[in-house]
Amino acid sequence: MQYKEKNTTIVMKIKKSVNTVFVMGLIVSCTNVKESKEYKELQAQRDSLLMQSAGAEAEAVEMMAVISEVEANFAR
């Protein structure tokens, strides 16, 4: 009976150790997202899209100003 209790205790300690290592691995792998290559690539892509969007918006504002100016000249 004593052998079985020791064996059970050892198995429980091993399971606890494996679970602890697993959880620590998850924590370490999830904490440093901003340093990953994929994150940096996505950030660069986002910045590029924002610049394109700002350019398109500025172009639309300029076109509206030109249209308003043409309309004002026709009204004269």
N, C-alpha and C. Protein backbone atom coordinates (compact mmCIF):
# COMPACT_ATOMS: atom_id res chain seq x y z
N MET A 1 0.82 -1.19 0.00
CA MET A 1 0.00 0.00 0.00
C MET A 1 0.87 1.26 0.00
N GLN A 2 1.98 1.22 0.72
CA GLN A 2 2.85 2.38 0.80
C GLN A 2 3.45 2.69 -0.56
N TYR A 3 3.83 1.69 -1.32
CA TYR A 3 4.41 1.88 -2.64
C TYR A 3 3.42 2.60 -3.56
N LYS A 4 2.18 2.23 -3.50
CA LYS A 4 1.15 2.83 -4.34
C LYS A 4 0.96 4.31 -3.99
N GLU A 5 1.01 4.64 -2.70
CA GLU A 5 0.86 6.03 -2.27
C GLU A 5 2.04 6.87 -2.74
N LYS A 6 3.26 6.31 -2.65
CA LYS A 6 4.45 7.04 -3.11
C LYS A 6 4.38 7.26 -4.61
N ASN A 7 3.96 6.23 -5.33
CA ASN A 7 3.85 6.33 -6.78
C ASN A 7 2.84 7.40 -7.17
N THR A 8 1.70 7.44 -6.48
CA THR A 8 0.68 8.43 -6.74
C THR A 8 1.20 9.83 -6.45
N THR A 9 1.95 9.97 -5.38
CA THR A 9 2.52 11.27 -5.01
C THR A 9 3.51 11.74 -6.07
N ILE A 10 4.34 10.84 -6.56
CA ILE A 10 5.33 11.18 -7.58
C ILE A 10 4.63 11.60 -8.87
N VAL A 11 3.61 10.87 -9.27
CA VAL A 11 2.86 11.19 -10.49
C VAL A 11 2.21 12.56 -10.36
N MET A 12 1.66 12.85 -9.19
CA MET A 12 1.02 14.15 -8.98
C MET A 12 2.05 15.28 -9.05
N LYS A 13 3.24 15.06 -8.51
CA LYS A 13 4.29 16.08 -8.56
C LYS A 13 4.74 16.31 -10.00
N ILE A 14 4.86 15.23 -10.76
CA ILE A 14 5.27 15.35 -12.16
C ILE A 14 4.20 16.12 -12.95
N LYS A 15 2.94 15.80 -12.74
CA LYS A 15 1.86 16.50 -13.43
C LYS A 15 1.87 17.98 -13.07
N LYS A 16 2.08 18.27 -11.80
CA LYS A 16 2.12 19.66 -11.37
C LYS A 16 3.29 20.40 -12.02
N SER A 17 4.44 19.74 -12.10
CA SER A 17 5.61 20.35 -12.73
C SER A 17 5.37 20.60 -14.21
N VAL A 18 4.79 19.64 -14.90
CA VAL A 18 4.51 19.78 -16.33
C VAL A 18 3.52 20.91 -16.54
N ASN A 19 2.48 20.98 -15.74
CA ASN A 19 1.50 22.06 -15.86
C ASN A 19 2.14 23.41 -15.60
N THR A 20 3.01 23.49 -14.61
CA THR A 20 3.68 24.74 -14.29
C THR A 20 4.55 25.20 -15.46
N VAL A 21 5.32 24.28 -16.02
CA VAL A 21 6.17 24.62 -17.16
C VAL A 21 5.32 25.06 -18.36
N PHE A 22 4.22 24.39 -18.59
CA PHE A 22 3.32 24.74 -19.69
C PHE A 22 2.76 26.15 -19.52
N VAL A 23 2.29 26.45 -18.33
CA VAL A 23 1.72 27.78 -18.06
C VAL A 23 2.81 28.85 -18.19
N MET A 24 3.99 28.58 -17.68
CA MET A 24 5.08 29.55 -17.79
C MET A 24 5.43 29.79 -19.26
N GLY A 25 5.42 28.74 -20.05
CA GLY A 25 5.68 28.88 -21.48
C GLY A 25 4.65 29.74 -22.17
N LEU A 26 3.39 29.55 -21.81
CA LEU A 26 2.33 30.38 -22.38
C LEU A 26 2.49 31.84 -22.00
N ILE A 27 2.82 32.08 -20.77
CA ILE A 27 2.99 33.46 -20.30
C ILE A 27 4.15 34.13 -21.03
N VAL A 28 5.26 33.45 -21.14
CA VAL A 28 6.44 34.02 -21.80
C VAL A 28 6.17 34.26 -23.28
N SER A 29 5.49 33.34 -23.94
CA SER A 29 5.26 33.49 -25.37
C SER A 29 4.24 34.56 -25.69
N CYS A 30 3.39 34.91 -24.76
CA CYS A 30 2.34 35.89 -25.02
C CYS A 30 2.69 37.31 -24.55
N THR A 31 3.73 37.48 -23.82
CA THR A 31 4.01 38.79 -23.24
C THR A 31 4.81 39.70 -24.15
N ASN A 32 5.48 39.19 -25.16
CA ASN A 32 6.38 40.00 -25.95
C ASN A 32 5.90 40.12 -27.40
N VAL A 33 4.62 40.43 -27.56
CA VAL A 33 4.01 40.47 -28.89
C VAL A 33 4.57 41.62 -29.72
N LYS A 34 4.81 42.76 -29.11
CA LYS A 34 5.24 43.94 -29.86
C LYS A 34 6.63 43.80 -30.46
N GLU A 35 7.39 42.84 -30.00
CA GLU A 35 8.74 42.62 -30.54
C GLU A 35 8.75 41.61 -31.68
N SER A 36 7.61 40.99 -31.97
CA SER A 36 7.59 39.95 -33.00
C SER A 36 7.67 40.56 -34.40
N LYS A 37 8.19 39.78 -35.32
CA LYS A 37 8.35 40.22 -36.71
C LYS A 37 6.98 40.48 -37.34
N GLU A 38 6.03 39.61 -37.07
CA GLU A 38 4.68 39.75 -37.64
C GLU A 38 4.03 41.05 -37.16
N TYR A 39 4.18 41.37 -35.88
CA TYR A 39 3.61 42.60 -35.33
C TYR A 39 4.21 43.82 -36.04
N LYS A 40 5.52 43.81 -36.21
CA LYS A 40 6.19 44.94 -36.86
C LYS A 40 5.75 45.09 -38.31
N GLU A 41 5.57 43.97 -39.01
CA GLU A 41 5.10 44.01 -40.40
C GLU A 41 3.68 44.57 -40.48
N LEU A 42 2.82 44.12 -39.58
CA LEU A 42 1.45 44.61 -39.56
C LEU A 42 1.40 46.09 -39.21
N GLN A 43 2.25 46.51 -38.30
CA GLN A 43 2.32 47.93 -37.92
C GLN A 43 2.76 48.77 -39.12
N ALA A 44 3.75 48.31 -39.86
CA ALA A 44 4.21 49.03 -41.05
C ALA A 44 3.12 49.09 -42.11
N GLN A 45 2.40 47.99 -42.28
CA GLN A 45 1.30 47.95 -43.25
C GLN A 45 0.20 48.92 -42.83
N ARG A 46 -0.11 48.96 -41.55
CA ARG A 46 -1.13 49.87 -41.02
C ARG A 46 -0.71 51.32 -41.28
N ASP A 47 0.55 51.64 -40.98
CA ASP A 47 1.03 53.00 -41.19
C ASP A 47 0.95 53.40 -42.66
N SER A 48 1.28 52.46 -43.54
CA SER A 48 1.22 52.72 -44.98
C SER A 48 -0.23 52.99 -45.42
N LEU A 49 -1.17 52.19 -44.92
CA LEU A 49 -2.57 52.39 -45.26
C LEU A 49 -3.10 53.72 -44.72
N LEU A 50 -2.66 54.10 -43.53
CA LEU A 50 -3.08 55.38 -42.97
C LEU A 50 -2.56 56.54 -43.81
N MET A 51 -1.33 56.42 -44.29
CA MET A 51 -0.76 57.47 -45.15
C MET A 51 -1.53 57.56 -46.47
N GLN A 52 -1.87 56.41 -47.06
CA GLN A 52 -2.64 56.40 -48.30
C GLN A 52 -4.02 57.02 -48.08
N SER A 53 -4.63 56.68 -46.97
CA SER A 53 -5.95 57.21 -46.64
C SER A 53 -5.90 58.71 -46.46
N ALA A 54 -4.89 59.19 -45.76
CA ALA A 54 -4.73 60.64 -45.56
C ALA A 54 -4.51 61.34 -46.89
N GLY A 55 -3.74 60.75 -47.78
CA GLY A 55 -3.52 61.33 -49.10
C GLY A 55 -4.80 61.39 -49.91
N ALA A 56 -5.59 60.32 -49.87
CA ALA A 56 -6.86 60.30 -50.60
C ALA A 56 -7.82 61.33 -50.03
N GLU A 57 -7.83 61.47 -48.72
CA GLU A 57 -8.71 62.45 -48.09
C GLU A 57 -8.30 63.87 -48.47
N ALA A 58 -7.00 64.14 -48.47
CA ALA A 58 -6.51 65.47 -48.86
C ALA A 58 -6.86 65.76 -50.32
N GLU A 59 -6.75 64.75 -51.15
CA GLU A 59 -7.10 64.92 -52.57
C GLU A 59 -8.58 65.22 -52.73
N ALA A 60 -9.42 64.53 -51.96
CA ALA A 60 -10.86 64.77 -52.03
C ALA A 60 -11.20 66.18 -51.56
N VAL A 61 -10.55 66.65 -50.52
CA VAL A 61 -10.78 68.01 -50.02
C VAL A 61 -10.37 69.03 -51.08
N GLU A 62 -9.24 68.77 -51.72
CA GLU A 62 -8.76 69.68 -52.77
C GLU A 62 -9.74 69.72 -53.94
N MET A 63 -10.26 68.55 -54.34
CA MET A 63 -11.23 68.50 -55.44
C MET A 63 -12.50 69.26 -55.08
N MET A 64 -12.96 69.12 -53.85
CA MET A 64 -14.16 69.83 -53.42
C MET A 64 -13.93 71.34 -53.45
N ALA A 65 -12.72 71.76 -53.08
CA ALA A 65 -12.40 73.18 -53.12
C ALA A 65 -12.41 73.69 -54.56
N VAL A 66 -11.88 72.92 -55.48
CA VAL A 66 -11.87 73.30 -56.90
C VAL A 66 -13.29 73.36 -57.43
N ILE A 67 -14.10 72.37 -57.08
CA ILE A 67 -15.50 72.36 -57.54
C ILE A 67 -16.25 73.57 -56.99
N SER A 68 -16.01 73.89 -55.73
CA SER A 68 -16.66 75.05 -55.13
C SER A 68 -16.23 76.34 -55.82
N GLU A 69 -14.96 76.43 -56.17
CA GLU A 69 -14.45 77.60 -56.86
C GLU A 69 -15.06 77.73 -58.25
N VAL A 70 -15.17 76.61 -58.96
CA VAL A 70 -15.79 76.62 -60.30
C VAL A 70 -17.25 77.03 -60.19
N GLU A 71 -17.97 76.49 -59.22
CA GLU A 71 -19.39 76.86 -59.03
C GLU A 71 -19.52 78.34 -58.71
N ALA A 72 -18.61 78.84 -57.88
CA ALA A 72 -18.65 80.26 -57.54
C ALA A 72 -18.41 81.13 -58.78
N ASN A 73 -17.50 80.70 -59.65
CA ASN A 73 -17.22 81.45 -60.88
C ASN A 73 -18.41 81.40 -61.85
N PHE A 74 -19.13 80.29 -61.89
CA PHE A 74 -20.30 80.20 -62.74
C PHE A 74 -21.43 81.09 -62.21
N ALA A 75 -21.49 81.26 -60.93
CA ALA A 75 -22.55 82.06 -60.33
C ALA A 75 -22.37 83.55 -60.63
N ARG A 76 -21.21 83.97 -61.02
CA ARG A 76 -20.95 85.39 -61.30
C ARG A 76 -21.58 85.85 -62.55
